[in-house]
Amino acid sequence: MEFQLQELGNDAYAFIHESDEGKQDAEITWTMMGDVMVMDHTFVHPSLRGGGVAKQLLDRAAEHAREHGYKMEAVCSYVVTAFKRYPDYDDVKVQG
């Protein structure tokens, strides 16, 4: 699944996925605070739920963080849960 990086303004960014009809059906958003991506929202359309799309979005965001030397802070409930569940993100999450 392909995700497009989108600048939302005011230091806010997202990786989004669009359906074949051109409608946004999945996204993960964050606000940059210095070199920290404050992960604040994850959305997956009901038609895509249960397919691991939210984790794919988070994986792509973590890859982006690694590419740029950023850390990630979990605010969104999905990201908070994923950070606890998967050690995959230990290298990018803000320790606290």
Protein backbone atom coordinates (compact mmCIF):
# COMPACT_ATOMS: atom_id res chain seq x y z
CA MET A 1 0.00 0.00 0.00
CA GLU A 2 1.39 3.41 -0.98
CA PHE A 3 1.25 6.43 1.30
CA GLN A 4 1.80 10.02 0.19
CA LEU A 5 3.52 12.54 2.43
CA GLN A 6 1.39 15.67 2.70
CA GLU A 7 2.25 18.99 4.35
CA LEU A 8 -0.80 20.29 6.20
CA GLY A 9 0.63 23.65 7.31
CA ASN A 10 1.68 24.96 10.73
CA ASP A 11 4.35 22.24 11.07
CA ALA A 12 1.70 19.52 10.62
CA TYR A 13 2.21 16.58 8.25
CA ALA A 14 0.49 13.35 7.26
CA PHE A 15 0.96 10.16 5.35
CA ILE A 16 -2.26 9.49 3.50
CA HIS A 17 -3.72 6.76 1.33
CA GLU A 18 -6.32 7.42 -1.32
CA SER A 19 -8.81 4.90 -2.65
CA ASP A 20 -9.05 4.09 -6.35
CA GLU A 21 -11.83 6.71 -6.48
CA GLY A 22 -9.42 9.37 -5.18
CA LYS A 23 -10.93 9.60 -1.71
CA GLN A 24 -8.70 9.67 1.36
CA ASP A 25 -9.32 6.43 3.26
CA ALA A 26 -6.38 6.26 5.70
CA GLU A 27 -4.03 8.72 7.36
CA ILE A 28 -1.58 9.24 10.17
CA THR A 29 -0.82 12.82 11.21
CA TRP A 30 1.76 14.56 13.33
CA THR A 31 3.09 17.95 14.30
CA MET A 32 6.81 18.66 14.30
CA MET A 33 8.16 20.04 17.58
CA GLY A 34 11.85 20.54 16.92
CA ASP A 35 13.10 17.09 15.87
CA VAL A 36 10.13 15.23 17.43
CA MET A 37 7.14 14.00 15.46
CA VAL A 38 4.18 14.35 17.85
CA MET A 39 1.89 11.62 16.53
CA ASP A 40 -1.62 12.93 17.10
CA HIS A 41 -4.10 11.09 14.86
CA THR A 42 -4.58 7.83 12.98
CA PHE A 43 -7.62 7.10 10.82
CA VAL A 44 -8.50 4.04 8.75
CA HIS A 45 -11.80 3.85 6.87
CA PRO A 46 -14.03 0.99 8.11
CA SER A 47 -13.68 -0.78 4.75
CA LEU A 48 -9.93 -1.17 5.38
CA ARG A 49 -9.99 -1.97 9.08
CA GLY A 50 -8.60 -5.29 10.27
CA GLY A 51 -6.04 -5.38 7.46
CA GLY A 52 -3.10 -3.90 9.33
CA VAL A 53 -3.34 -0.54 7.57
CA ALA A 54 -2.85 1.50 10.77
CA LYS A 55 0.39 -0.39 11.50
CA GLN A 56 1.53 0.14 7.91
CA LEU A 57 0.94 3.88 8.35
CA LEU A 58 2.89 3.89 11.60
CA ASP A 59 5.67 1.84 10.02
CA ARG A 60 5.94 4.40 7.21
CA ALA A 61 6.01 7.28 9.71
CA ALA A 62 8.73 5.49 11.72
CA GLU A 63 10.73 4.98 8.51
CA HIS A 64 10.39 8.73 7.84
CA ALA A 65 11.61 9.47 11.38
CA ARG A 66 14.65 7.23 10.90
CA GLU A 67 15.47 8.80 7.52
CA HIS A 68 15.54 12.28 9.08
CA GLY A 69 16.94 11.50 12.54
CA TYR A 70 13.64 12.37 14.27
CA LYS A 71 12.05 10.87 17.37
CA MET A 72 8.34 10.13 17.75
CA GLU A 73 6.07 11.00 20.67
CA ALA A 74 2.80 9.08 20.98
CA VAL A 75 -0.33 11.14 21.64
CA CYS A 76 -2.80 9.27 19.41
CA SER A 77 -4.30 6.28 21.25
CA TYR A 78 -3.35 3.87 18.43
CA VAL A 79 0.29 4.97 18.50
CA VAL A 80 0.40 4.79 22.31
CA THR A 81 -0.84 1.18 22.14
CA ALA A 82 1.48 0.24 19.27
CA PHE A 83 4.51 1.67 21.07
CA LYS A 84 3.69 -0.53 24.06
CA ARG A 85 2.93 -3.62 21.98
CA TYR A 86 5.77 -3.62 19.42
CA PRO A 87 9.48 -3.21 20.15
CA ASP A 88 9.93 -2.20 16.45
CA TYR A 89 9.67 1.47 17.43
CA ASP A 90 12.01 1.54 20.44
CA ASP A 91 14.71 3.29 18.42
CA VAL A 92 12.46 6.21 17.41
CA LYS A 93 10.09 6.70 20.32
CA VAL A 94 10.70 9.41 22.86
CA GLN A 95 11.68 7.69 26.08
CA GLY A 96 9.82 8.99 29.06
